PDB file of N, CA and C in Angstrom:
ATOM      1  N   MET A   1       3.741-106.453 -69.771  1.00  0.00           N
ATOM      2  CA  MET A   1       4.525-107.557 -70.287  1.00  0.00           C
ATOM      3  C   MET A   1       4.727-107.374 -71.791  1.00  0.00           C
ATOM      4  N   GLU A   2       5.904-107.773 -72.220  1.00  0.00           N
ATOM      5  CA  GLU A   2       6.229-107.726 -73.637  1.00  0.00           C
ATOM      6  C   GLU A   2       6.765-109.086 -74.063  1.00  0.00           C
ATOM      7  N   THR A   3       6.746-109.329 -75.357  1.00  0.00           N
ATOM      8  CA  THR A   3       7.299-110.564 -75.898  1.00  0.00           C
ATOM      9  C   THR A   3       8.656-110.259 -76.522  1.00  0.00           C
ATOM     10  N   TYR A   4       9.634-111.060 -76.143  1.00  0.00           N
ATOM     11  CA  TYR A   4      11.004-110.920 -76.634  1.00  0.00           C
ATOM     12  C   TYR A   4      11.421-112.223 -77.282  1.00  0.00           C
ATOM     13  N   GLU A   5      12.306-112.116 -78.259  1.00  0.00           N
ATOM     14  CA  GLU A   5      12.945-113.300 -78.813  1.00  0.00           C
ATOM     15  C   GLU A   5      14.417-113.236 -78.472  1.00  0.00           C
ATOM     16  N   GLY A   6      15.028-114.395 -78.438  1.00  0.00           N
ATOM     17  CA  GLY A   6      16.444-114.450 -78.124  1.00  0.00           C
ATOM     18  C   GLY A   6      17.018-115.779 -78.532  1.00  0.00           C
ATOM     19  N   GLY A   7      18.300-115.938 -78.240  1.00  0.00           N
ATOM     20  CA  GLY A   7      18.941-117.196 -78.580  1.00  0.00           C
ATOM     21  C   GLY A   7      20.413-117.203 -78.244  1.00  0.00           C
ATOM     22  N   CYS A   8      21.057-118.248 -78.713  1.00  0.00           N
ATOM     23  CA  CYS A   8      22.488-118.407 -78.499  1.00  0.00           C
ATOM     24  C   CYS A   8      23.264-117.596 -79.534  1.00  0.00           C
ATOM     25  N   HIS A   9      24.568-117.662 -79.499  1.00  0.00           N
ATOM     26  CA  HIS A   9      25.409-116.877 -80.403  1.00  0.00           C
ATOM     27  C   HIS A   9      25.337-117.366 -81.847  1.00  0.00           C
ATOM     28  N   CYS A  10      25.352-118.675 -82.055  1.00  0.00           N
ATOM     29  CA  CYS A  10      25.371-119.211 -83.418  1.00  0.00           C
ATOM     30  C   CYS A  10      23.994-119.283 -84.066  1.00  0.00           C
ATOM     31  N   GLY A  11      22.923-119.115 -83.274  1.00  0.00           N
ATOM     32  CA  GLY A  11      21.568-119.123 -83.810  1.00  0.00           C
ATOM     33  C   GLY A  11      20.885-120.474 -83.862  1.00  0.00           C
ATOM     34  N   ARG A  12      21.567-121.523 -83.448  1.00  0.00           N
ATOM     35  CA  ARG A  12      20.923-122.849 -83.453  1.00  0.00           C
ATOM     36  C   ARG A  12      19.785-122.929 -82.446  1.00  0.00           C
ATOM     37  N   VAL A  13      19.915-122.205 -81.316  1.00  0.00           N
ATOM     38  CA  VAL A  13      18.882-122.208 -80.281  1.00  0.00           C
ATOM     39  C   VAL A  13      18.183-120.847 -80.308  1.00  0.00           C
ATOM     40  N   ARG A  14      16.877-120.880 -80.498  1.00  0.00           N
ATOM     41  CA  ARG A  14      16.073-119.650 -80.486  1.00  0.00           C
ATOM     42  C   ARG A  14      14.867-119.891 -79.590  1.00  0.00           C
ATOM     43  N   PHE A  15      14.451-118.830 -78.887  1.00  0.00           N
ATOM     44  CA  PHE A  15      13.311-118.936 -77.984  1.00  0.00           C
ATOM     45  C   PHE A  15      12.538-117.629 -77.961  1.00  0.00           C
ATOM     46  N   ARG A  16      11.356-117.686 -77.376  1.00  0.00           N
ATOM     47  CA  ARG A  16      10.491-116.521 -77.208  1.00  0.00           C
ATOM     48  C   ARG A  16      10.040-116.509 -75.747  1.00  0.00           C
ATOM     49  N   VAL A  17      10.001-115.334 -75.150  1.00  0.00           N
ATOM     50  CA  VAL A  17       9.550-115.205 -73.762  1.00  0.00           C
ATOM     51  C   VAL A  17       8.659-113.979 -73.644  1.00  0.00           C
ATOM     52  N   THR A  18       7.590-114.120 -72.870  1.00  0.00           N
ATOM     53  CA  THR A  18       6.700-112.999 -72.586  1.00  0.00           C
ATOM     54  C   THR A  18       6.865-112.664 -71.118  1.00  0.00           C
ATOM     55  N   ALA A  19       7.362-111.448 -70.860  1.00  0.00           N
ATOM     56  CA  ALA A  19       7.669-111.070 -69.479  1.00  0.00           C
ATOM     57  C   ALA A  19       7.896-109.575 -69.386  1.00  0.00           C
ATOM     58  N   SER A  20       8.000-109.124 -68.162  1.00  0.00           N
ATOM     59  CA  SER A  20       8.399-107.759 -67.871  1.00  0.00           C
ATOM     60  C   SER A  20       9.848-107.816 -67.403  1.00  0.00           C
ATOM     61  N   LEU A  21      10.628-106.823 -67.762  1.00  0.00           N
ATOM     62  CA  LEU A  21      12.033-106.811 -67.373  1.00  0.00           C
ATOM     63  C   LEU A  21      12.261-106.027 -66.075  1.00  0.00           C
ATOM     64  N   ASP A  22      11.269-106.033 -65.195  1.00  0.00           N
ATOM     65  CA  ASP A  22      11.387-105.287 -63.937  1.00  0.00           C
ATOM     66  C   ASP A  22      11.935-106.128 -62.781  1.00  0.00           C
ATOM     67  N   ARG A  23      12.227-107.402 -63.019  1.00  0.00           N
ATOM     68  CA  ARG A  23      12.768-108.269 -61.959  1.00  0.00           C
ATOM     69  C   ARG A  23      14.033-108.995 -62.413  1.00  0.00           C
ATOM     70  N   VAL A  24      14.837-108.332 -63.190  1.00  0.00           N
ATOM     71  CA  VAL A  24      16.099-108.916 -63.644  1.00  0.00           C
ATOM     72  C   VAL A  24      17.057-108.937 -62.462  1.00  0.00           C
ATOM     73  N   THR A  25      17.769-110.049 -62.308  1.00  0.00           N
ATOM     74  CA  THR A  25      18.618-110.252 -61.142  1.00  0.00           C
ATOM     75  C   THR A  25      20.013-110.697 -61.542  1.00  0.00           C
ATOM     76  N   TYR A  26      21.002-110.172 -60.831  1.00  0.00           N
ATOM     77  CA  TYR A  26      22.390-110.605 -60.939  1.00  0.00           C
ATOM     78  C   TYR A  26      22.679-111.484 -59.723  1.00  0.00           C
ATOM     79  N   CYS A  27      23.306-112.635 -59.939  1.00  0.00           N
ATOM     80  CA  CYS A  27      23.669-113.541 -58.853  1.00  0.00           C
ATOM     81  C   CYS A  27      25.188-113.668 -58.804  1.00  0.00           C
ATOM     82  N   ASN A  28      25.746-113.653 -57.592  1.00  0.00           N
ATOM     83  CA  ASN A  28      27.207-113.706 -57.436  1.00  0.00           C
ATOM     84  C   ASN A  28      27.744-115.113 -57.182  1.00  0.00           C
ATOM     85  N   CYS A  29      26.947-116.154 -57.414  1.00  0.00           N
ATOM     86  CA  CYS A  29      27.457-117.510 -57.217  1.00  0.00           C
ATOM     87  C   CYS A  29      28.508-117.823 -58.287  1.00  0.00           C
ATOM     88  N   SER A  30      29.215-118.920 -58.108  1.00  0.00           N
ATOM     89  CA  SER A  30      30.345-119.237 -58.990  1.00  0.00           C
ATOM     90  C   SER A  30      29.933-119.423 -60.446  1.00  0.00           C
ATOM     91  N   ILE A  31      28.872-120.164 -60.713  1.00  0.00           N
ATOM     92  CA  ILE A  31      28.520-120.426 -62.111  1.00  0.00           C
ATOM     93  C   ILE A  31      27.896-119.210 -62.780  1.00  0.00           C
ATOM     94  N   CYS A  32      27.047-118.479 -62.074  1.00  0.00           N
ATOM     95  CA  CYS A  32      26.419-117.295 -62.673  1.00  0.00           C
ATOM     96  C   CYS A  32      27.450-116.207 -62.957  1.00  0.00           C
ATOM     97  N   THR A  33      28.410-116.062 -62.065  1.00  0.00           N
ATOM     98  CA  THR A  33      29.470-115.078 -62.263  1.00  0.00           C
ATOM     99  C   THR A  33      30.298-115.438 -63.492  1.00  0.00           C
ATOM    100  N   LYS A  34      30.677-116.694 -63.610  1.00  0.00           N
ATOM    101  CA  LYS A  34      31.505-117.117 -64.747  1.00  0.00           C
ATOM    102  C   LYS A  34      30.741-117.028 -66.068  1.00  0.00           C
ATOM    103  N   LYS A  35      29.427-117.301 -66.042  1.00  0.00           N
ATOM    104  CA  LYS A  35      28.625-117.224 -67.263  1.00  0.00           C
ATOM    105  C   LYS A  35      28.198-115.795 -67.585  1.00  0.00           C
ATOM    106  N   GLY A  36      28.184-114.910 -66.596  1.00  0.00           N
ATOM    107  CA  GLY A  36      27.687-113.561 -66.814  1.00  0.00           C
ATOM    108  C   GLY A  36      26.170-113.541 -66.971  1.00  0.00           C
ATOM    109  N   PHE A  37      25.494-114.470 -66.324  1.00  0.00           N
ATOM    110  CA  PHE A  37      24.052-114.656 -66.467  1.00  0.00           C
ATOM    111  C   PHE A  37      23.274-113.528 -65.795  1.00  0.00           C
ATOM    112  N   LEU A  38      22.312-112.942 -66.486  1.00  0.00           N
ATOM    113  CA  LEU A  38      21.351-112.009 -65.909  1.00  0.00           C
ATOM    114  C   LEU A  38      20.002-112.702 -65.928  1.00  0.00           C
ATOM    115  N   HIS A  39      19.450-112.937 -64.758  1.00  0.00           N
ATOM    116  CA  HIS A  39      18.287-113.807 -64.574  1.00  0.00           C
ATOM    117  C   HIS A  39      16.949-113.115 -64.803  1.00  0.00           C
ATOM    118  N   LEU A  40      16.074-113.839 -65.496  1.00  0.00           N
ATOM    119  CA  LEU A  40      14.676-113.467 -65.655  1.00  0.00           C
ATOM    120  C   LEU A  40      13.887-114.765 -65.548  1.00  0.00           C
ATOM    121  N   ILE A  41      13.358-115.036 -64.359  1.00  0.00           N
ATOM    122  CA  ILE A  41      12.657-116.293 -64.107  1.00  0.00           C
ATOM    123  C   ILE A  41      11.179-116.130 -64.465  1.00  0.00           C
ATOM    124  N   VAL A  42      10.692-117.046 -65.339  1.00  0.00           N
ATOM    125  CA  VAL A  42       9.321-116.971 -65.832  1.00  0.00           C
ATOM    126  C   VAL A  42       8.644-118.334 -65.723  1.00  0.00           C
ATOM    127  N   ALA A  43       7.317-118.297 -65.717  1.00  0.00           N
ATOM    128  CA  ALA A  43       6.527-119.536 -65.740  1.00  0.00           C
ATOM    129  C   ALA A  43       6.711-120.227 -67.093  1.00  0.00           C
ATOM    130  N   LEU A  44       6.572-121.536 -67.112  1.00  0.00           N
ATOM    131  CA  LEU A  44       6.727-122.300 -68.354  1.00  0.00           C
ATOM    132  C   LEU A  44       5.811-121.787 -69.467  1.00  0.00           C
ATOM    133  N   ALA A  45       4.610-121.328 -69.100  1.00  0.00           N
ATOM    134  CA  ALA A  45       3.648-120.838 -70.094  1.00  0.00           C
ATOM    135  C   ALA A  45       4.129-119.554 -70.775  1.00  0.00           C
ATOM    136  N   GLN A  46       5.101-118.870 -70.181  1.00  0.00           N
ATOM    137  CA  GLN A  46       5.622-117.616 -70.748  1.00  0.00           C
ATOM    138  C   GLN A  46       6.838-117.856 -71.651  1.00  0.00           C
ATOM    139  N   PHE A  47       7.245-119.099 -71.785  1.00  0.00           N
ATOM    140  CA  PHE A  47       8.453-119.439 -72.528  1.00  0.00           C
ATOM    141  C   PHE A  47       8.138-120.418 -73.648  1.00  0.00           C
ATOM    142  N   GLU A  48       8.744-120.193 -74.812  1.00  0.00           N
ATOM    143  CA  GLU A  48       8.590-121.112 -75.934  1.00  0.00           C
ATOM    144  C   GLU A  48       9.954-121.310 -76.593  1.00  0.00           C
ATOM    145  N   LEU A  49      10.376-122.547 -76.699  1.00  0.00           N
ATOM    146  CA  LEU A  49      11.581-122.876 -77.455  1.00  0.00           C
ATOM    147  C   LEU A  49      11.168-122.954 -78.915  1.00  0.00           C
ATOM    148  N   ILE A  50      11.665-122.037 -79.731  1.00  0.00           N
ATOM    149  CA  ILE A  50      11.294-121.977 -81.143  1.00  0.00           C
ATOM    150  C   ILE A  50      12.002-123.082 -81.915  1.00  0.00           C
ATOM    151  N   HIS A  51      13.300-123.191 -81.722  1.00  0.00           N
ATOM    152  CA  HIS A  51      14.047-124.299 -82.318  1.00  0.00           C
ATOM    153  C   HIS A  51      15.391-124.463 -81.621  1.00  0.00           C
ATOM    154  N   GLY A  52      15.968-125.650 -81.795  1.00  0.00           N
ATOM    155  CA  GLY A  52      17.285-125.921 -81.252  1.00  0.00           C
ATOM    156  C   GLY A  52      17.344-126.890 -80.099  1.00  0.00           C
ATOM    157  N   LYS A  53      16.241-127.557 -79.776  1.00  0.00           N
ATOM    158  CA  LYS A  53      16.258-128.503 -78.655  1.00  0.00           C
ATOM    159  C   LYS A  53      17.382-129.526 -78.812  1.00  0.00           C
ATOM    160  N   GLU A  54      17.605-129.988 -80.036  1.00  0.00           N
ATOM    161  CA  GLU A  54      18.639-130.991 -80.291  1.00  0.00           C
ATOM    162  C   GLU A  54      20.048-130.437 -80.089  1.00  0.00           C
ATOM    163  N   ALA A  55      20.205-129.122 -80.089  1.00  0.00           N
ATOM    164  CA  ALA A  55      21.523-128.497 -79.905  1.00  0.00           C
ATOM    165  C   ALA A  55      21.854-128.248 -78.435  1.00  0.00           C
ATOM    166  N   LEU A  56      20.890-128.426 -77.548  1.00  0.00           N
ATOM    167  CA  LEU A  56      21.100-128.132 -76.130  1.00  0.00           C
ATOM    168  C   LEU A  56      21.790-129.277 -75.399  1.00  0.00           C
ATOM    169  N   THR A  57      22.708-128.916 -74.532  1.00  0.00           N
ATOM    170  CA  THR A  57      23.390-129.841 -73.642  1.00  0.00           C
ATOM    171  C   THR A  57      23.112-129.361 -72.222  1.00  0.00           C
ATOM    172  N   THR A  58      23.012-130.273 -71.279  1.00  0.00           N
ATOM    173  CA  THR A  58      22.695-129.907 -69.904  1.00  0.00           C
ATOM    174  C   THR A  58      23.846-130.261 -68.967  1.00  0.00           C
ATOM    175  N   TYR A  59      24.133-129.333 -68.059  1.00  0.00           N
ATOM    176  CA  TYR A  59      25.157-129.520 -67.036  1.00  0.00           C
ATOM    177  C   TYR A  59      24.479-129.405 -65.675  1.00  0.00           C
ATOM    178  N   ARG A  60      24.747-130.352 -64.788  1.00  0.00           N
ATOM    179  CA  ARG A  60      24.226-130.324 -63.415  1.00  0.00           C
ATOM    180  C   ARG A  60      25.380-130.475 -62.442  1.00  0.00           C
ATOM    181  N   PHE A  61      25.262-129.856 -61.269  1.00  0.00           N
ATOM    182  CA  PHE A  61      26.273-130.007 -60.226  1.00  0.00           C
ATOM    183  C   PHE A  61      25.606-129.813 -58.876  1.00  0.00           C
ATOM    184  N   ASN A  62      26.351-129.964 -57.809  1.00  0.00           N
ATOM    185  CA  ASN A  62      25.886-129.765 -56.435  1.00  0.00           C
ATOM    186  C   ASN A  62      24.624-130.585 -56.184  1.00  0.00           C
ATOM    187  N   THR A  63      23.477-129.962 -55.987  1.00  0.00           N
ATOM    188  CA  THR A  63      22.250-130.703 -55.684  1.00  0.00           C
ATOM    189  C   THR A  63      21.667-131.396 -56.912  1.00  0.00           C
ATOM    190  N   GLY A  64      22.062-130.998 -58.106  1.00  0.00           N
ATOM    191  CA  GLY A  64      21.558-131.590 -59.338  1.00  0.00           C
ATOM    192  C   GLY A  64      20.188-131.103 -59.761  1.00  0.00           C
ATOM    193  N   VAL A  65      19.586-130.207 -58.992  1.00  0.00           N
ATOM    194  CA  VAL A  65      18.246-129.717 -59.322  1.00  0.00           C
ATOM    195  C   VAL A  65      18.284-128.778 -60.522  1.00  0.00           C
ATOM    196  N   ALA A  66      19.196-127.836 -60.514  1.00  0.00           N
ATOM    197  CA  ALA A  66      19.304-126.898 -61.632  1.00  0.00           C
ATOM    198  C   ALA A  66      19.772-127.637 -62.876  1.00  0.00           C
ATOM    199  N   GLN A  67      19.153-127.316 -64.001  1.00  0.00           N
ATOM    200  CA  GLN A  67      19.534-127.902 -65.283  1.00  0.00           C
ATOM    201  C   GLN A  67      20.102-126.782 -66.144  1.00  0.00           C
ATOM    202  N   HIS A  68      21.413-126.626 -66.106  1.00  0.00           N
ATOM    203  CA  HIS A  68      22.105-125.558 -66.824  1.00  0.00           C
ATOM    204  C   HIS A  68      22.260-125.960 -68.282  1.00  0.00           C
ATOM    205  N   THR A  69      21.391-125.446 -69.146  1.00  0.00           N
ATOM    206  CA  THR A  69      21.430-125.794 -70.561  1.00  0.00           C
ATOM    207  C   THR A  69      22.290-124.799 -71.327  1.00  0.00           C
ATOM    208  N   PHE A  70      22.966-125.305 -72.333  1.00  0.00           N
ATOM    209  CA  PHE A  70      23.765-124.451 -73.198  1.00  0.00           C
ATOM    210  C   PHE A  70      23.834-125.051 -74.591  1.00  0.00           C
ATOM    211  N   CYS A  71      24.130-124.218 -75.560  1.00  0.00           N
ATOM    212  CA  CYS A  71      24.240-124.657 -76.943  1.00  0.00           C
ATOM    213  C   CYS A  71      25.517-125.478 -77.111  1.00  0.00           C
ATOM    214  N   SER A  72      25.393-126.661 -77.671  1.00  0.00           N
ATOM    215  CA  SER A  72      26.549-127.532 -77.850  1.00  0.00           C
ATOM    216  C   SER A  72      27.479-127.047 -78.960  1.00  0.00           C
ATOM    217  N   THR A  73      27.037-126.104 -79.765  1.00  0.00           N
ATOM    218  CA  THR A  73      27.882-125.561 -80.824  1.00  0.00           C
ATOM    219  C   THR A  73      28.678-124.351 -80.350  1.00  0.00           C
ATOM    220  N   CYS A  74      27.997-123.338 -79.816  1.00  0.00           N
ATOM    221  CA  CYS A  74      28.694-122.094 -79.450  1.00  0.00           C
ATOM    222  C   CYS A  74      28.950-121.946 -77.954  1.00  0.00           C
ATOM    223  N   GLY A  75      28.312-122.774 -77.124  1.00  0.00           N
ATOM    224  CA  GLY A  75      28.563-122.754 -75.685  1.00  0.00           C
ATOM    225  C   GLY A  75      27.787-121.720 -74.892  1.00  0.00           C
ATOM    226  N   ILE A  76      26.920-120.955 -75.542  1.00  0.00           N
ATOM    227  CA  ILE A  76      26.162-119.909 -74.842  1.00  0.00           C
ATOM    228  C   ILE A  76      25.012-120.529 -74.048  1.00  0.00           C
ATOM    229  N   HIS A  77      24.767-119.943 -72.870  1.00  0.00           N
ATOM    230  CA  HIS A  77      23.718-120.397 -71.946  1.00  0.00           C
ATOM    231  C   HIS A  77      22.520-119.451 -72.032  1.00  0.00           C
ATOM    232  N   PRO A  78      21.574-119.685 -72.941  1.00  0.00           N
ATOM    233  CA  PRO A  78      20.468-118.741 -73.096  1.00  0.00           C
ATOM    234  C   PRO A  78      19.350-118.869 -72.054  1.00  0.00           C
ATOM    235  N   PHE A  79      19.217-120.038 -71.435  1.00  0.00           N
ATOM    236  CA  PHE A  79      18.181-120.259 -70.413  1.00  0.00           C
ATOM    237  C   PHE A  79      18.496-121.555 -69.688  1.00  0.00           C
ATOM    238  N   TYR A  80      17.836-121.759 -68.541  1.00  0.00           N
ATOM    239  CA  TYR A  80      17.996-123.016 -67.804  1.00  0.00           C
ATOM    240  C   TYR A  80      16.867-123.177 -66.809  1.00  0.00           C
ATOM    241  N   VAL A  81      16.788-124.347 -66.190  1.00  0.00           N
ATOM    242  CA  VAL A  81      15.826-124.618 -65.120  1.00  0.00           C
ATOM    243  C   VAL A  81      16.546-124.312 -63.807  1.00  0.00           C
ATOM    244  N   PRO A  82      16.075-123.311 -63.050  1.00  0.00           N
ATOM    245  CA  PRO A  82      16.797-122.897 -61.840  1.00  0.00           C
ATOM    246  C   PRO A  82      16.495-123.763 -60.615  1.00  0.00           C
ATOM    247  N   ARG A  83      17.466-123.877 -59.764  1.00  0.00           N
ATOM    248  CA  ARG A  83      17.309-124.597 -58.501  1.00  0.00           C
ATOM    249  C   ARG A  83      16.235-123.952 -57.629  1.00  0.00           C
ATOM    250  N   SER A  84      16.186-122.644 -57.643  1.00  0.00           N
ATOM    251  CA  SER A  84      15.228-121.924 -56.786  1.00  0.00           C
ATOM    252  C   SER A  84      13.783-122.163 -57.195  1.00  0.00           C
ATOM    253  N   ASP A  85      13.546-122.359 -58.474  1.00  0.00           N
ATOM    254  CA  ASP A  85      12.200-122.517 -59.019  1.00  0.00           C
ATOM    255  C   ASP A  85      12.231-123.555 -60.141  1.00  0.00           C
ATOM    256  N   PRO A  86      12.360-124.852 -59.803  1.00  0.00           N
ATOM    257  CA  PRO A  86      12.520-125.878 -60.835  1.00  0.00           C
ATOM    258  C   PRO A  86      11.288-126.094 -61.717  1.00  0.00           C
ATOM    259  N   ASP A  87      10.196-125.430 -61.393  1.00  0.00           N
ATOM    260  CA  ASP A  87       8.994-125.507 -62.228  1.00  0.00           C
ATOM    261  C   ASP A  87       8.921-124.336 -63.206  1.00  0.00           C
ATOM    262  N   LYS A  88      10.016-123.566 -63.317  1.00  0.00           N
ATOM    263  CA  LYS A  88      10.046-122.386 -64.179  1.00  0.00           C
ATOM    264  C   LYS A  88      11.270-122.443 -65.086  1.00  0.00           C
ATOM    265  N   ILE A  89      11.410-121.425 -65.907  1.00  0.00           N
ATOM    266  CA  ILE A  89      12.572-121.259 -66.785  1.00  0.00           C
ATOM    267  C   ILE A  89      13.256-119.952 -66.418  1.00  0.00           C
ATOM    268  N   ASP A  90      14.565-119.970 -66.377  1.00  0.00           N
ATOM    269  CA  ASP A  90      15.359-118.783 -66.088  1.00  0.00           C
ATOM    270  C   ASP A  90      16.062-118.373 -67.383  1.00  0.00           C
ATOM    271  N   VAL A  91      15.632-117.255 -67.933  1.00  0.00           N
ATOM    272  CA  VAL A  91      16.146-116.754 -69.202  1.00  0.00           C
ATOM    273  C   VAL A  91      17.318-115.815 -68.943  1.00  0.00           C
ATOM    274  N   ASN A  92      18.362-115.940 -69.738  1.00  0.00           N
ATOM    275  CA  ASN A  92      19.495-115.033 -69.658  1.00  0.00           C
ATOM    276  C   ASN A  92      19.151-113.774 -70.448  1.00  0.00           C
ATOM    277  N   VAL A  93      18.923-112.664 -69.763  1.00  0.00           N
ATOM    278  CA  VAL A  93      18.521-111.413 -70.400  1.00  0.00           C
ATOM    279  C   VAL A  93      19.566-110.958 -71.422  1.00  0.00           C
ATOM    280  N   ARG A  94      20.822-111.323 -71.201  1.00  0.00           N
ATOM    281  CA  ARG A  94      21.879-110.975 -72.170  1.00  0.00           C
ATOM    282  C   ARG A  94      21.654-111.643 -73.528  1.00  0.00           C
ATOM    283  N   CYS A  95      20.829-112.674 -73.576  1.00  0.00           N
ATOM    284  CA  CYS A  95      20.562-113.387 -74.821  1.00  0.00           C
ATOM    285  C   CYS A  95      19.294-112.920 -75.527  1.00  0.00           C
ATOM    286  N   LEU A  96      18.606-111.916 -74.970  1.00  0.00           N
ATOM    287  CA  LEU A  96      17.415-111.375 -75.612  1.00  0.00           C
ATOM    288  C   LEU A  96      17.816-110.357 -76.677  1.00  0.00           C
ATOM    289  N   ASP A  97      17.149-110.400 -77.810  1.00  0.00           N
ATOM    290  CA  ASP A  97      17.438-109.488 -78.913  1.00  0.00           C
ATOM    291  C   ASP A  97      16.996-108.063 -78.564  1.00  0.00           C
ATOM    292  N   GLY A  98      17.858-107.100 -78.799  1.00  0.00           N
ATOM    293  CA  GLY A  98      17.491-105.694 -78.734  1.00  0.00           C
ATOM    294  C   GLY A  98      17.243-105.108 -77.371  1.00  0.00           C
ATOM    295  N   VAL A  99      17.631-105.759 -76.298  1.00  0.00           N
ATOM    296  CA  VAL A  99      17.411-105.222 -74.949  1.00  0.00           C
ATOM    297  C   VAL A  99      18.606-104.345 -74.560  1.00  0.00           C
ATOM    298  N   ASP A 100      18.310-103.130 -74.116  1.00  0.00           N
ATOM    299  CA  ASP A 100      19.342-102.202 -73.649  1.00  0.00           C
ATOM    300  C   ASP A 100      19.617-102.507 -72.180  1.00  0.00           C
ATOM    301  N   LEU A 101      20.674-103.248 -71.906  1.00  0.00           N
ATOM    302  CA  LEU A 101      20.989-103.651 -70.531  1.00  0.00           C
ATOM    303  C   LEU A 101      21.246-102.452 -69.633  1.00  0.00           C
ATOM    304  N   ALA A 102      21.808-101.394 -70.161  1.00  0.00           N
ATOM    305  CA  ALA A 102      22.110-100.202 -69.363  1.00  0.00           C
ATOM    306  C   ALA A 102      20.840 -99.514 -68.865  1.00  0.00           C
ATOM    307  N   ALA A 103      19.718 -99.752 -69.511  1.00  0.00           N
ATOM    308  CA  ALA A 103      18.457 -99.127 -69.115  1.00  0.00           C
ATOM    309  C   ALA A 103      17.719 -99.912 -68.031  1.00  0.00           C
ATOM    310  N   LEU A 104      18.212-101.100 -67.690  1.00  0.00           N
ATOM    311  CA  LEU A 104      17.536-101.952 -66.713  1.00  0.00           C
ATOM    312  C   LEU A 104      17.987-101.651 -65.288  1.00  0.00           C
ATOM    313  N   THR A 105      17.075-101.827 -64.357  1.00  0.00           N
ATOM    314  CA  THR A 105      17.413-101.823 -62.940  1.00  0.00           C
ATOM    315  C   THR A 105      17.599-103.282 -62.557  1.00  0.00           C
ATOM    316  N   ILE A 106      18.810-103.627 -62.133  1.00  0.00           N
ATOM    317  CA  ILE A 106      19.138-105.025 -61.872  1.00  0.00           C
ATOM    318  C   ILE A 106      19.331-105.248 -60.377  1.00  0.00           C
ATOM    319  N   ALA A 107      18.523-106.146 -59.816  1.00  0.00           N
ATOM    320  CA  ALA A 107      18.625-106.486 -58.395  1.00  0.00           C
ATOM    321  C   ALA A 107      19.769-107.467 -58.189  1.00  0.00           C
ATOM    322  N   GLU A 108      20.289-107.514 -56.977  1.00  0.00           N
ATOM    323  CA  GLU A 108      21.372-108.439 -56.661  1.00  0.00           C
ATOM    324  C   GLU A 108      20.873-109.547 -55.739  1.00  0.00           C
ATOM    325  N   PHE A 109      21.421-110.735 -55.948  1.00  0.00           N
ATOM    326  CA  PHE A 109      21.103-111.894 -55.118  1.00  0.00           C
ATOM    327  C   PHE A 109      22.419-112.517 -54.666  1.00  0.00           C
ATOM    328  N   ASP A 110      22.534-112.831 -53.379  1.00  0.00           N
ATOM    329  CA  ASP A 110      23.763-113.384 -52.818  1.00  0.00           C
ATOM    330  C   ASP A 110      23.796-114.900 -52.976  1.00  0.00           C
ATOM    331  N   GLY A 111      24.069-115.349 -54.199  1.00  0.00           N
ATOM    332  CA  GLY A 111      24.121-116.773 -54.492  1.00  0.00           C
ATOM    333  C   GLY A 111      25.308-117.486 -53.869  1.00  0.00           C
ATOM    334  N   LYS A 112      26.341-116.742 -53.472  1.00  0.00           N
ATOM    335  CA  LYS A 112      27.471-117.366 -52.758  1.00  0.00           C
ATOM    336  C   LYS A 112      26.989-117.973 -51.451  1.00  0.00           C
ATOM    337  N   ASN A 113      25.938-117.376 -50.900  1.00  0.00           N
ATOM    338  CA  ASN A 113      25.317-117.845 -49.655  1.00  0.00           C
ATOM    339  C   ASN A 113      23.861-118.215 -49.944  1.00  0.00           C
ATOM    340  N   TRP A 114      23.658-119.089 -50.926  1.00  0.00           N
ATOM    341  CA  TRP A 114      22.354-119.396 -51.492  1.00  0.00           C
ATOM    342  C   TRP A 114      21.311-119.793 -50.446  1.00  0.00           C
ATOM    343  N   GLU A 115      21.633-120.760 -49.605  1.00  0.00           N
ATOM    344  CA  GLU A 115      20.651-121.246 -48.626  1.00  0.00           C
ATOM    345  C   GLU A 115      20.165-120.111 -47.719  1.00  0.00           C
ATOM    346  N   HIS A 116      21.100-119.319 -47.222  1.00  0.00           N
ATOM    347  CA  HIS A 116      20.726-118.196 -46.355  1.00  0.00           C
ATOM    348  C   HIS A 116      19.955-117.134 -47.142  1.00  0.00           C
ATOM    349  N   ALA A 117      20.408-116.809 -48.337  1.00  0.00           N
ATOM    350  CA  ALA A 117      19.753-115.777 -49.148  1.00  0.00           C
ATOM    351  C   ALA A 117      18.319-116.156 -49.497  1.00  0.00           C
ATOM    352  N   MET A 118      18.051-117.439 -49.680  1.00  0.00           N
ATOM    353  CA  MET A 118      16.692-117.881 -50.018  1.00  0.00           C
ATOM    354  C   MET A 118      15.719-117.731 -48.855  1.00  0.00           C
ATOM    355  N   THR A 119      16.223-117.542 -47.637  1.00  0.00           N
ATOM    356  CA  THR A 119      15.334-117.347 -46.486  1.00  0.00           C
ATOM    357  C   THR A 119      14.921-115.888 -46.340  1.00  0.00           C
ATOM    358  N   GLY A 120      15.585-114.998 -47.059  1.00  0.00           N
ATOM    359  CA  GLY A 120      15.271-113.569 -46.999  1.00  0.00           C
ATOM    360  C   GLY A 120      14.421-113.133 -48.185  1.00  0.00           C
ATOM    361  N   ARG A 121      14.519-111.851 -48.495  1.00  0.00           N
ATOM    362  CA  ARG A 121      13.793-111.314 -49.639  1.00  0.00           C
ATOM    363  C   ARG A 121      14.486-111.747 -50.930  1.00  0.00           C
ATOM    364  N   VAL A 122      13.733-112.451 -51.763  1.00  0.00           N
ATOM    365  CA  VAL A 122      14.261-112.960 -53.030  1.00  0.00           C
ATOM    366  C   VAL A 122      13.759-112.013 -54.132  1.00  0.00           C
ATOM    367  N   PRO A 123      14.648-111.362 -54.863  1.00  0.00           N
ATOM    368  CA  PRO A 123      14.261-110.283 -55.785  1.00  0.00           C
ATOM    369  C   PRO A 123      13.289-110.662 -56.889  1.00  0.00           C
ATOM    370  N   TRP A 124      13.271-111.909 -57.330  1.00  0.00           N
ATOM    371  CA  TRP A 124      12.399-112.281 -58.446  1.00  0.00           C
ATOM    372  C   TRP A 124      11.041-112.794 -57.996  1.00  0.00           C
ATOM    373  N   ARG A 125      10.802-112.818 -56.707  1.00  0.00           N
ATOM    374  CA  ARG A 125       9.498-113.305 -56.231  1.00  0.00           C
ATOM    375  C   ARG A 125       8.653-112.157 -55.729  1.00  0.00           C
TER     376      ARG A 125
END
């Protein structure tokens, strides 16, 4: 495990996460595709919001369980509370400083068929 820092585009939201990048996942659901989100789901103890809580806005839809947070200034989605694991934080790997995305092995998750996909092998678990 390593510690990474990251944040939104304008810098108002900054966070720190301690994790391994061996379970990064791409999801093909509508919101993840539009956001370009690369998932890294971690326990709350592995995540620290350094600053910017006041800059975060939350969007919910469908079941309302997922809390899609984004910076109210620049609109970037650096992390959120996922529907699959509402007791954890899902960090957008694209928002981590200095990570070479081309060097990662990225698993795929069929979020278009979320309910069915959750009954099979889930890449981040």
